[in-house]
C-alpha cells in the first residue's frame, strides 16, 4: 500500500495516542527498505505518482516475530493486572 494509506491504517489501529508521526513513519519505511524488510515501487497509473510498499519475505518473518512478541507482552500484562487486582482486593481497596 502507499505510505498515506499505511499511516491511516496505523492510526486506525490506535498505535499512537496522538496519531502517527508522518515524518517518522516515512523514515521508518526507508530504514525498513534499506534493511530489506520492505520493497517500494512508484505507481503512476492512478493519479499522482505514489510510492507503494510491500513486505518482503524477510519483512513478513520479522512482522510474524513481532506479533508473537506482542502476544507474549499482552499475556504478561494481563497476568500482572489480574494479580494486581487480586492484591488490591486483599488489601481492602
Protein backbone atom coordinates (compact mmCIF):
# COMPACT_ATOMS: atom_id res chain seq x y z
CA UNK A 1 0.00 0.00 0.00
CA UNK A 2 1.12 3.57 -0.36
CA UNK A 3 2.53 5.50 2.59
CA UNK A 4 -0.53 7.65 3.32
CA UNK A 5 -2.80 4.58 3.34
CA UNK A 6 -0.39 2.76 5.63
CA UNK A 7 -0.30 5.70 8.05
CA UNK A 8 -4.11 5.87 8.03
CA UNK A 9 -4.23 2.14 8.80
CA UNK A 10 -1.80 2.59 11.70
CA UNK A 11 -3.96 5.44 13.00
CA UNK A 12 -6.99 3.13 12.79
CA UNK A 13 -5.12 0.64 14.98
CA UNK A 14 -4.56 3.40 17.59
CA UNK A 15 -0.88 2.60 17.95
CA UNK A 16 -0.06 6.17 18.94
CA UNK A 17 -2.41 8.16 21.21
CA UNK A 18 -1.69 11.42 19.35
CA UNK A 19 -1.66 9.84 15.90
CA UNK A 20 1.20 8.50 13.85
CA UNK A 21 4.08 10.92 13.25
CA UNK A 22 4.08 11.08 9.45
CA UNK A 23 7.76 12.02 9.13
CA UNK A 24 8.78 9.19 11.46
CA UNK A 25 6.63 6.74 9.51
CA UNK A 26 8.35 7.58 6.22
CA UNK A 27 11.81 7.49 7.85
CA UNK A 28 10.97 4.06 9.26
CA UNK A 29 9.79 2.85 5.85
CA UNK A 30 13.08 3.99 4.32
CA UNK A 31 15.01 2.18 7.08
CA UNK A 32 12.93 -0.96 6.54
CA UNK A 33 13.67 -0.77 2.83
CA UNK A 34 17.41 -0.39 3.49
CA UNK A 35 17.22 -3.47 5.74
CA UNK A 36 15.36 -5.46 3.08
CA UNK A 37 12.12 -5.70 5.07
CA UNK A 38 10.02 -3.82 2.51
CA UNK A 39 10.35 -3.06 -1.18
CA UNK A 40 8.94 0.10 -2.74
CA UNK A 41 7.87 0.94 -6.26
CA UNK A 42 6.38 4.01 -7.88
CA UNK A 43 2.80 3.70 -9.13
CA UNK A 44 1.87 6.32 -11.71
CA UNK A 45 -1.27 4.92 -13.32
CA UNK A 46 -3.71 6.02 -10.58
CA UNK A 47 -3.45 9.82 -10.49
CA UNK A 48 -0.40 11.41 -8.89
CA UNK A 49 2.68 9.21 -8.59
CA UNK A 50 2.80 7.36 -5.28
CA UNK A 51 5.42 5.15 -3.74
CA UNK A 52 3.89 1.86 -2.67
CA UNK A 53 5.41 -0.51 -0.15
CA UNK A 54 5.27 -4.28 0.01
CA UNK A 55 6.66 -6.61 2.67
CA UNK A 56 9.47 -8.87 1.54
CA UNK A 57 9.71 -12.45 2.81
CA UNK A 58 12.18 -11.17 5.42
CA UNK A 59 9.74 -8.43 6.36
CA UNK A 60 6.91 -10.95 6.78
CA UNK A 61 9.12 -13.07 9.05
CA UNK A 62 10.06 -10.00 11.12
CA UNK A 63 6.40 -8.99 11.40
CA UNK A 64 5.39 -12.50 12.48
CA UNK A 65 8.11 -12.43 15.17
CA UNK A 66 6.96 -9.01 16.35
CA UNK A 67 3.35 -10.22 16.54
CA UNK A 68 4.49 -13.17 18.70
CA UNK A 69 6.39 -10.81 21.00
CA UNK A 70 3.36 -8.55 21.33
CA UNK A 71 1.10 -11.53 22.16
CA UNK A 72 3.52 -12.53 24.92
CA UNK A 73 3.65 -8.97 26.25
CA UNK A 74 -0.14 -8.81 26.27
CA UNK A 75 -0.25 -12.10 28.20
CA UNK A 76 2.25 -10.80 30.76
CA UNK A 77 0.35 -7.52 31.16
CA UNK A 78 -2.91 -9.41 31.65
CA UNK A 79 -1.30 -11.66 34.27
CA UNK A 80 0.06 -8.59 36.06
CA UNK A 81 -3.33 -6.86 36.02
CA UNK A 82 -5.11 -9.93 37.34
CA UNK A 83 -2.52 -10.27 40.11
CA UNK A 84 -2.65 -6.56 40.93
CA UNK A 85 -6.44 -6.57 41.07
CA UNK A 86 -6.37 -9.57 43.41
CA UNK A 87 -3.71 -7.91 45.56
CA UNK A 88 -5.81 -4.77 45.86
CA UNK A 89 -8.87 -6.82 46.89
CA UNK A 90 -6.93 -8.41 49.75
CA UNK A 91 -5.73 -5.02 50.99
CA UNK A 92 -9.20 -3.57 51.15
CA UNK A 93 -9.13 -1.44 48.07
